[in-house]
Amino acid sequence: MSIDEVIRLLQEIKDLGESGKETVTKAKSTAKKAKSVAKKVKRAPSAYNKYMKKKMAQLKKKHPRKKHAAIFKQAAKSWKRSPDRKRSLK
């Protein structure tokens, strides 16, 4: 059910007054479902996200005692010289 339908149901409830308690319950549950469906849609990771995930794993394996911030900084600097970056700019 779309947001427009939920709004329409809420308007009907307002017009019905107290006799529309069942409609109120239905509209509330439908609105919750619509919100949860909207939240679940995720964007695909960018080239940068993919690169950083792969590079961070490599660096953590190579330097297990190094702090996360230092490894992240090193990976971010290497992104500038990466061929993946050049492809993503096109």
PDB file of N, CA and C in Angstrom:
ATOM      1  N   MET A   1       0.847  -1.165   0.000  1.00  0.00           N
ATOM      2  CA  MET A   1       0.000   0.000   0.000  1.00  0.00           C
ATOM      3  C   MET A   1       0.897   1.234   0.000  1.00  0.00           C
ATOM      4  N   SER A   2       0.577   2.189  -0.830  1.00  0.00           N
ATOM      5  CA  SER A   2       1.416   3.373  -0.948  1.00  0.00           C
ATOM      6  C   SER A   2       1.051   4.420   0.098  1.00  0.00           C
ATOM      7  N   ILE A   3       1.875   5.414   0.180  1.00  0.00           N
ATOM      8  CA  ILE A   3       1.659   6.502   1.142  1.00  0.00           C
ATOM      9  C   ILE A   3       0.399   7.279   0.793  1.00  0.00           C
ATOM     10  N   ASP A   4       0.119   7.426  -0.511  1.00  0.00           N
ATOM     11  CA  ASP A   4      -1.098   8.123  -0.931  1.00  0.00           C
ATOM     12  C   ASP A   4      -2.350   7.402  -0.431  1.00  0.00           C
ATOM     13  N   GLU A   5      -2.329   6.086  -0.476  1.00  0.00           N
ATOM     14  CA  GLU A   5      -3.473   5.308  -0.002  1.00  0.00           C
ATOM     15  C   GLU A   5      -3.642   5.458   1.510  1.00  0.00           C
ATOM     16  N   VAL A   6      -2.518   5.502   2.225  1.00  0.00           N
ATOM     17  CA  VAL A   6      -2.575   5.684   3.668  1.00  0.00           C
ATOM     18  C   VAL A   6      -3.175   7.049   3.999  1.00  0.00           C
ATOM     19  N   ILE A   7      -2.757   8.065   3.278  1.00  0.00           N
ATOM     20  CA  ILE A   7      -3.300   9.411   3.491  1.00  0.00           C
ATOM     21  C   ILE A   7      -4.797   9.429   3.208  1.00  0.00           C
ATOM     22  N   ARG A   8      -5.210   8.737   2.144  1.00  0.00           N
ATOM     23  CA  ARG A   8      -6.628   8.668   1.803  1.00  0.00           C
ATOM     24  C   ARG A   8      -7.413   7.990   2.915  1.00  0.00           C
ATOM     25  N   LEU A   9      -6.863   6.893   3.457  1.00  0.00           N
ATOM     26  CA  LEU A   9      -7.527   6.194   4.560  1.00  0.00           C
ATOM     27  C   LEU A   9      -7.652   7.084   5.793  1.00  0.00           C
ATOM     28  N   LEU A  10      -6.600   7.812   6.095  1.00  0.00           N
ATOM     29  CA  LEU A  10      -6.653   8.704   7.243  1.00  0.00           C
ATOM     30  C   LEU A  10      -7.701   9.797   7.059  1.00  0.00           C
ATOM     31  N   GLN A  11      -7.856  10.278   5.842  1.00  0.00           N
ATOM     32  CA  GLN A  11      -8.887  11.283   5.549  1.00  0.00           C
ATOM     33  C   GLN A  11     -10.279  10.683   5.738  1.00  0.00           C
ATOM     34  N   GLU A  12     -10.457   9.446   5.301  1.00  0.00           N
ATOM     35  CA  GLU A  12     -11.740   8.762   5.499  1.00  0.00           C
ATOM     36  C   GLU A  12     -12.052   8.616   6.984  1.00  0.00           C
ATOM     37  N   ILE A  13     -11.039   8.302   7.758  1.00  0.00           N
ATOM     38  CA  ILE A  13     -11.209   8.154   9.199  1.00  0.00           C
ATOM     39  C   ILE A  13     -11.687   9.466   9.812  1.00  0.00           C
ATOM     40  N   LYS A  14     -11.056  10.523   9.379  1.00  0.00           N
ATOM     41  CA  LYS A  14     -11.425  11.844   9.891  1.00  0.00           C
ATOM     42  C   LYS A  14     -12.878  12.152   9.566  1.00  0.00           C
ATOM     43  N   ASP A  15     -13.314  11.780   8.364  1.00  0.00           N
ATOM     44  CA  ASP A  15     -14.690  12.027   7.940  1.00  0.00           C
ATOM     45  C   ASP A  15     -15.689  11.145   8.707  1.00  0.00           C
ATOM     46  N   LEU A  16     -15.292   9.918   9.050  1.00  0.00           N
ATOM     47  CA  LEU A  16     -16.190   8.984   9.725  1.00  0.00           C
ATOM     48  C   LEU A  16     -16.407   9.318  11.201  1.00  0.00           C
ATOM     49  N   GLY A  17     -15.426   9.894  11.819  1.00  0.00           N
ATOM     50  CA  GLY A  17     -15.544  10.191  13.240  1.00  0.00           C
ATOM     51  C   GLY A  17     -15.245   8.964  14.070  1.00  0.00           C
ATOM     52  N   GLU A  18     -16.034   8.708  15.119  1.00  0.00           N
ATOM     53  CA  GLU A  18     -15.767   7.596  16.029  1.00  0.00           C
ATOM     54  C   GLU A  18     -16.192   6.249  15.469  1.00  0.00           C
ATOM     55  N   SER A  19     -17.025   6.207  14.471  1.00  0.00           N
ATOM     56  CA  SER A  19     -17.491   4.924  13.941  1.00  0.00           C
ATOM     57  C   SER A  19     -16.417   4.205  13.123  1.00  0.00           C
ATOM     58  N   GLY A  20     -15.299   4.838  12.878  1.00  0.00           N
ATOM     59  CA  GLY A  20     -14.261   4.236  12.052  1.00  0.00           C
ATOM     60  C   GLY A  20     -13.081   3.708  12.821  1.00  0.00           C
ATOM     61  N   LYS A  21     -13.294   3.131  14.008  1.00  0.00           N
ATOM     62  CA  LYS A  21     -12.187   2.626  14.819  1.00  0.00           C
ATOM     63  C   LYS A  21     -11.432   1.500  14.126  1.00  0.00           C
ATOM     64  N   GLU A  22     -12.149   0.643  13.411  1.00  0.00           N
ATOM     65  CA  GLU A  22     -11.483  -0.443  12.678  1.00  0.00           C
ATOM     66  C   GLU A  22     -10.611   0.122  11.566  1.00  0.00           C
ATOM     67  N   THR A  23     -11.100   1.151  10.914  1.00  0.00           N
ATOM     68  CA  THR A  23     -10.348   1.778   9.840  1.00  0.00           C
ATOM     69  C   THR A  23      -9.088   2.432  10.395  1.00  0.00           C
ATOM     70  N   VAL A  24      -9.190   3.004  11.589  1.00  0.00           N
ATOM     71  CA  VAL A  24      -8.032   3.620  12.229  1.00  0.00           C
ATOM     72  C   VAL A  24      -6.953   2.576  12.471  1.00  0.00           C
ATOM     73  N   THR A  25      -7.339   1.444  13.012  1.00  0.00           N
ATOM     74  CA  THR A  25      -6.396   0.369  13.299  1.00  0.00           C
ATOM     75  C   THR A  25      -5.735  -0.110  12.011  1.00  0.00           C
ATOM     76  N   LYS A  26      -6.537  -0.283  10.972  1.00  0.00           N
ATOM     77  CA  LYS A  26      -6.018  -0.742   9.681  1.00  0.00           C
ATOM     78  C   LYS A  26      -5.053   0.294   9.091  1.00  0.00           C
ATOM     79  N   ALA A  27      -5.406   1.554   9.188  1.00  0.00           N
ATOM     80  CA  ALA A  27      -4.562   2.608   8.630  1.00  0.00           C
ATOM     81  C   ALA A  27      -3.231   2.698   9.361  1.00  0.00           C
ATOM     82  N   LYS A  28      -3.250   2.563  10.688  1.00  0.00           N
ATOM     83  CA  LYS A  28      -2.010   2.630  11.455  1.00  0.00           C
ATOM     84  C   LYS A  28      -1.076   1.482  11.110  1.00  0.00           C
ATOM     85  N   SER A  29      -1.624   0.277  11.017  1.00  0.00           N
ATOM     86  CA  SER A  29      -0.778  -0.871  10.694  1.00  0.00           C
ATOM     87  C   SER A  29      -0.238  -0.766   9.271  1.00  0.00           C
ATOM     88  N   THR A  30      -1.040  -0.258   8.362  1.00  0.00           N
ATOM     89  CA  THR A  30      -0.601  -0.092   6.976  1.00  0.00           C
ATOM     90  C   THR A  30       0.493   0.962   6.893  1.00  0.00           C
ATOM     91  N   ALA A  31       0.368   2.038   7.647  1.00  0.00           N
ATOM     92  CA  ALA A  31       1.381   3.093   7.649  1.00  0.00           C
ATOM     93  C   ALA A  31       2.711   2.557   8.181  1.00  0.00           C
ATOM     94  N   LYS A  32       2.666   1.726   9.235  1.00  0.00           N
ATOM     95  CA  LYS A  32       3.884   1.145   9.779  1.00  0.00           C
ATOM     96  C   LYS A  32       4.560   0.239   8.758  1.00  0.00           C
ATOM     97  N   LYS A  33       3.758  -0.556   8.046  1.00  0.00           N
ATOM     98  CA  LYS A  33       4.310  -1.458   7.034  1.00  0.00           C
ATOM     99  C   LYS A  33       4.946  -0.665   5.900  1.00  0.00           C
ATOM    100  N   ALA A  34       4.293   0.412   5.471  1.00  0.00           N
ATOM    101  CA  ALA A  34       4.824   1.233   4.383  1.00  0.00           C
ATOM    102  C   ALA A  34       6.154   1.854   4.784  1.00  0.00           C
ATOM    103  N   LYS A  35       6.281   2.309   6.022  1.00  0.00           N
ATOM    104  CA  LYS A  35       7.529   2.902   6.495  1.00  0.00           C
ATOM    105  C   LYS A  35       8.639   1.867   6.544  1.00  0.00           C
ATOM    106  N   SER A  36       8.336   0.660   7.025  1.00  0.00           N
ATOM    107  CA  SER A  36       9.367  -0.361   7.139  1.00  0.00           C
ATOM    108  C   SER A  36       9.851  -0.806   5.764  1.00  0.00           C
ATOM    109  N   VAL A  37       8.961  -0.870   4.800  1.00  0.00           N
ATOM    110  CA  VAL A  37       9.358  -1.244   3.442  1.00  0.00           C
ATOM    111  C   VAL A  37      10.244  -0.155   2.852  1.00  0.00           C
ATOM    112  N   ALA A  38       9.914   1.096   3.096  1.00  0.00           N
ATOM    113  CA  ALA A  38      10.699   2.205   2.572  1.00  0.00           C
ATOM    114  C   ALA A  38      12.095   2.224   3.185  1.00  0.00           C
ATOM    115  N   LYS A  39      12.243   1.834   4.447  1.00  0.00           N
ATOM    116  CA  LYS A  39      13.540   1.845   5.110  1.00  0.00           C
ATOM    117  C   LYS A  39      14.452   0.729   4.617  1.00  0.00           C
ATOM    118  N   LYS A  40      13.898  -0.380   4.156  1.00  0.00           N
ATOM    119  CA  LYS A  40      14.687  -1.549   3.794  1.00  0.00           C
ATOM    120  C   LYS A  40      15.443  -1.394   2.474  1.00  0.00           C
ATOM    121  N   VAL A  41      15.050  -0.461   1.644  1.00  0.00           N
ATOM    122  CA  VAL A  41      15.693  -0.292   0.346  1.00  0.00           C
ATOM    123  C   VAL A  41      17.045   0.378   0.547  1.00  0.00           C
ATOM    124  N   LYS A  42      18.111  -0.294   0.129  1.00  0.00           N
ATOM    125  CA  LYS A  42      19.461   0.244   0.273  1.00  0.00           C
ATOM    126  C   LYS A  42      20.071   0.525  -1.097  1.00  0.00           C
ATOM    127  N   ARG A  43      20.912   1.530  -1.127  1.00  0.00           N
ATOM    128  CA  ARG A  43      21.625   1.836  -2.367  1.00  0.00           C
ATOM    129  C   ARG A  43      22.774   0.858  -2.534  1.00  0.00           C
ATOM    130  N   ALA A  44      23.185   0.688  -3.777  1.00  0.00           N
ATOM    131  CA  ALA A  44      24.327  -0.167  -4.059  1.00  0.00           C
ATOM    132  C   ALA A  44      25.600   0.550  -3.597  1.00  0.00           C
ATOM    133  N   PRO A  45      26.597  -0.199  -3.114  1.00  0.00           N
ATOM    134  CA  PRO A  45      27.839   0.453  -2.679  1.00  0.00           C
ATOM    135  C   PRO A  45      28.575   1.078  -3.861  1.00  0.00           C
ATOM    136  N   SER A  46      29.195   2.226  -3.621  1.00  0.00           N
ATOM    137  CA  SER A  46      29.938   2.918  -4.663  1.00  0.00           C
ATOM    138  C   SER A  46      31.286   2.234  -4.874  1.00  0.00           C
ATOM    139  N   ALA A  47      32.014   2.670  -5.884  1.00  0.00           N
ATOM    140  CA  ALA A  47      33.338   2.121  -6.157  1.00  0.00           C
ATOM    141  C   ALA A  47      34.256   2.375  -4.958  1.00  0.00           C
ATOM    142  N   TYR A  48      34.124   3.541  -4.336  1.00  0.00           N
ATOM    143  CA  TYR A  48      34.919   3.886  -3.157  1.00  0.00           C
ATOM    144  C   TYR A  48      34.614   2.928  -1.999  1.00  0.00           C
ATOM    145  N   ASN A  49      33.340   2.667  -1.753  1.00  0.00           N
ATOM    146  CA  ASN A  49      32.953   1.763  -0.667  1.00  0.00           C
ATOM    147  C   ASN A  49      33.519   0.364  -0.888  1.00  0.00           C
ATOM    148  N   LYS A  50      33.414  -0.124  -2.107  1.00  0.00           N
ATOM    149  CA  LYS A  50      33.937  -1.456  -2.424  1.00  0.00           C
ATOM    150  C   LYS A  50      35.454  -1.505  -2.234  1.00  0.00           C
ATOM    151  N   TYR A  51      36.135  -0.468  -2.734  1.00  0.00           N
ATOM    152  CA  TYR A  51      37.593  -0.407  -2.628  1.00  0.00           C
ATOM    153  C   TYR A  51      38.029  -0.375  -1.169  1.00  0.00           C
ATOM    154  N   MET A  52      37.385   0.487  -0.379  1.00  0.00           N
ATOM    155  CA  MET A  52      37.769   0.642   1.024  1.00  0.00           C
ATOM    156  C   MET A  52      37.546  -0.652   1.806  1.00  0.00           C
ATOM    157  N   LYS A  53      36.474  -1.346   1.534  1.00  0.00           N
ATOM    158  CA  LYS A  53      36.193  -2.601   2.237  1.00  0.00           C
ATOM    159  C   LYS A  53      37.293  -3.624   1.954  1.00  0.00           C
ATOM    160  N   LYS A  54      37.665  -3.726   0.678  1.00  0.00           N
ATOM    161  CA  LYS A  54      38.691  -4.681   0.280  1.00  0.00           C
ATOM    162  C   LYS A  54      40.058  -4.277   0.845  1.00  0.00           C
ATOM    163  N   LYS A  55      40.407  -3.004   0.718  1.00  0.00           N
ATOM    164  CA  LYS A  55      41.712  -2.508   1.151  1.00  0.00           C
ATOM    165  C   LYS A  55      41.857  -2.577   2.671  1.00  0.00           C
ATOM    166  N   MET A  56      40.799  -2.244   3.396  1.00  0.00           N
ATOM    167  CA  MET A  56      40.845  -2.296   4.857  1.00  0.00           C
ATOM    168  C   MET A  56      41.105  -3.728   5.332  1.00  0.00           C
ATOM    169  N   ALA A  57      40.465  -4.690   4.690  1.00  0.00           N
ATOM    170  CA  ALA A  57      40.670  -6.094   5.068  1.00  0.00           C
ATOM    171  C   ALA A  57      42.126  -6.498   4.829  1.00  0.00           C
ATOM    172  N   GLN A  58      42.687  -6.061   3.701  1.00  0.00           N
ATOM    173  CA  GLN A  58      44.081  -6.388   3.393  1.00  0.00           C
ATOM    174  C   GLN A  58      45.029  -5.766   4.418  1.00  0.00           C
ATOM    175  N   LEU A  59      44.809  -4.490   4.710  1.00  0.00           N
ATOM    176  CA  LEU A  59      45.701  -3.790   5.633  1.00  0.00           C
ATOM    177  C   LEU A  59      45.578  -4.322   7.061  1.00  0.00           C
ATOM    178  N   LYS A  60      44.373  -4.686   7.483  1.00  0.00           N
ATOM    179  CA  LYS A  60      44.197  -5.228   8.833  1.00  0.00           C
ATOM    180  C   LYS A  60      44.892  -6.587   8.967  1.00  0.00           C
ATOM    181  N   LYS A  61      44.871  -7.338   7.898  1.00  0.00           N
ATOM    182  CA  LYS A  61      45.545  -8.638   7.914  1.00  0.00           C
ATOM    183  C   LYS A  61      47.067  -8.446   7.978  1.00  0.00           C
ATOM    184  N   LYS A  62      47.549  -7.455   7.247  1.00  0.00           N
ATOM    185  CA  LYS A  62      48.984  -7.182   7.176  1.00  0.00           C
ATOM    186  C   LYS A  62      49.496  -6.531   8.472  1.00  0.00           C
ATOM    187  N   HIS A  63      48.677  -5.639   9.064  1.00  0.00           N
ATOM    188  CA  HIS A  63      49.060  -4.904  10.272  1.00  0.00           C
ATOM    189  C   HIS A  63      47.981  -5.091  11.350  1.00  0.00           C
ATOM    190  N   PRO A  64      47.946  -6.246  12.010  1.00  0.00           N
ATOM    191  CA  PRO A  64      46.850  -6.521  12.957  1.00  0.00           C
ATOM    192  C   PRO A  64      46.857  -5.644  14.219  1.00  0.00           C
ATOM    193  N   ARG A  65      47.997  -5.109  14.603  1.00  0.00           N
ATOM    194  CA  ARG A  65      48.070  -4.315  15.836  1.00  0.00           C
ATOM    195  C   ARG A  65      47.885  -2.819  15.600  1.00  0.00           C
ATOM    196  N   LYS A  66      47.841  -2.418  14.370  1.00  0.00           N
ATOM    197  CA  LYS A  66      47.690  -1.002  14.041  1.00  0.00           C
ATOM    198  C   LYS A  66      46.255  -0.557  14.320  1.00  0.00           C
ATOM    199  N   LYS A  67      46.085   0.687  14.742  1.00  0.00           N
ATOM    200  CA  LYS A  67      44.756   1.211  15.045  1.00  0.00           C
ATOM    201  C   LYS A  67      43.915   1.361  13.778  1.00  0.00           C
ATOM    202  N   HIS A  68      42.610   1.255  13.954  1.00  0.00           N
ATOM    203  CA  HIS A  68      41.675   1.352  12.836  1.00  0.00           C
ATOM    204  C   HIS A  68      41.801   2.692  12.106  1.00  0.00           C
ATOM    205  N   ALA A  69      41.926   3.767  12.856  1.00  0.00           N
ATOM    206  CA  ALA A  69      42.009   5.110  12.253  1.00  0.00           C
ATOM    207  C   ALA A  69      43.229   5.233  11.347  1.00  0.00           C
ATOM    208  N   ALA A  70      44.355   4.699  11.784  1.00  0.00           N
ATOM    209  CA  ALA A  70      45.578   4.763  10.989  1.00  0.00           C
ATOM    210  C   ALA A  70      45.440   3.941   9.704  1.00  0.00           C
ATOM    211  N   ILE A  71      44.833   2.774   9.831  1.00  0.00           N
ATOM    212  CA  ILE A  71      44.628   1.923   8.654  1.00  0.00           C
ATOM    213  C   ILE A  71      43.668   2.594   7.676  1.00  0.00           C
ATOM    214  N   PHE A  72      42.617   3.203   8.205  1.00  0.00           N
ATOM    215  CA  PHE A  72      41.639   3.877   7.348  1.00  0.00           C
ATOM    216  C   PHE A  72      42.298   5.035   6.599  1.00  0.00           C
ATOM    217  N   LYS A  73      43.127   5.784   7.292  1.00  0.00           N
ATOM    218  CA  LYS A  73      43.822   6.919   6.667  1.00  0.00           C
ATOM    219  C   LYS A  73      44.722   6.433   5.530  1.00  0.00           C
ATOM    220  N   GLN A  74      45.424   5.344   5.782  1.00  0.00           N
ATOM    221  CA  GLN A  74      46.317   4.769   4.771  1.00  0.00           C
ATOM    222  C   GLN A  74      45.519   4.276   3.560  1.00  0.00           C
ATOM    223  N   ALA A  75      44.393   3.637   3.803  1.00  0.00           N
ATOM    224  CA  ALA A  75      43.559   3.136   2.705  1.00  0.00           C
ATOM    225  C   ALA A  75      42.980   4.294   1.899  1.00  0.00           C
ATOM    226  N   ALA A  76      42.572   5.361   2.576  1.00  0.00           N
ATOM    227  CA  ALA A  76      42.001   6.524   1.886  1.00  0.00           C
ATOM    228  C   ALA A  76      43.041   7.201   1.008  1.00  0.00           C
ATOM    229  N   LYS A  77      44.285   7.270   1.495  1.00  0.00           N
ATOM    230  CA  LYS A  77      45.347   7.861   0.676  1.00  0.00           C
ATOM    231  C   LYS A  77      45.619   7.008  -0.563  1.00  0.00           C
ATOM    232  N   SER A  78      45.558   5.705  -0.399  1.00  0.00           N
ATOM    233  CA  SER A  78      45.829   4.828  -1.537  1.00  0.00           C
ATOM    234  C   SER A  78      44.709   4.896  -2.582  1.00  0.00           C
ATOM    235  N   TRP A  79      43.512   5.320  -2.172  1.00  0.00           N
ATOM    236  CA  TRP A  79      42.380   5.466  -3.102  1.00  0.00           C
ATOM    237  C   TRP A  79      42.700   6.504  -4.172  1.00  0.00           C
ATOM    238  N   LYS A  80      43.436   7.548  -3.807  1.00  0.00           N
ATOM    239  CA  LYS A  80      43.769   8.611  -4.762  1.00  0.00           C
ATOM    240  C   LYS A  80      44.573   8.078  -5.940  1.00  0.00           C
ATOM    241  N   ARG A  81      45.432   7.095  -5.679  1.00  0.00           N
ATOM    242  CA  ARG A  81      46.278   6.529  -6.743  1.00  0.00           C
ATOM    243  C   ARG A  81      45.681   5.283  -7.386  1.00  0.00           C
ATOM    244  N   SER A  82      44.530   4.863  -6.932  1.00  0.00           N
ATOM    245  CA  SER A  82      43.935   3.610  -7.379  1.00  0.00           C
ATOM    246  C   SER A  82      43.377   3.699  -8.800  1.00  0.00           C
ATOM    247  N   PRO A  83      43.545   2.649  -9.594  1.00  0.00           N
ATOM    248  CA  PRO A  83      42.932   2.633 -10.936  1.00  0.00           C
ATOM    249  C   PRO A  83      41.395   2.544 -10.859  1.00  0.00           C
ATOM    250  N   ASP A  84      40.867   2.013  -9.753  1.00  0.00           N
ATOM    251  CA  ASP A  84      39.412   1.966  -9.574  1.00  0.00           C
ATOM    252  C   ASP A  84      38.827   3.369  -9.505  1.00  0.00           C
ATOM    253  N   ARG A  85      39.547   4.287  -8.882  1.00  0.00           N
ATOM    254  CA  ARG A  85      39.089   5.673  -8.771  1.00  0.00           C
ATOM    255  C   ARG A  85      39.006   6.314 -10.149  1.00  0.00           C
ATOM    256  N   LYS A  86      40.025   6.073 -10.949  1.00  0.00           N
ATOM    257  CA  LYS A  86      40.050   6.672 -12.291  1.00  0.00           C
ATOM    258  C   LYS A  86      38.887   6.168 -13.136  1.00  0.00           C
ATOM    259  N   ARG A  87      38.527   4.887 -12.945  1.00  0.00           N
ATOM    260  CA  ARG A  87      37.387   4.338 -13.678  1.00  0.00           C
ATOM    261  C   ARG A  87      36.064   4.952 -13.195  1.00  0.00           C
ATOM    262  N   SER A  88      35.985   5.223 -11.899  1.00  0.00           N
ATOM    263  CA  SER A  88      34.732   5.755 -11.358  1.00  0.00           C
ATOM    264  C   SER A  88      34.523   7.225 -11.726  1.00  0.00           C
ATOM    265  N   LEU A  89      35.571   7.921 -12.110  1.00  0.00           N
ATOM    266  CA  LEU A  89      35.455   9.340 -12.478  1.00  0.00           C
ATOM    267  C   LEU A  89      34.940   9.534 -13.892  1.00  0.00           C
ATOM    268  N   LYS A  90      35.010   8.502 -14.704  1.00  0.00           N
ATOM    269  CA  LYS A  90      34.579   8.626 -16.114  1.00  0.00           C
ATOM    270  C   LYS A  90      33.114   8.739 -16.244  1.00  0.00           C
TER     271      LYS A  90
END
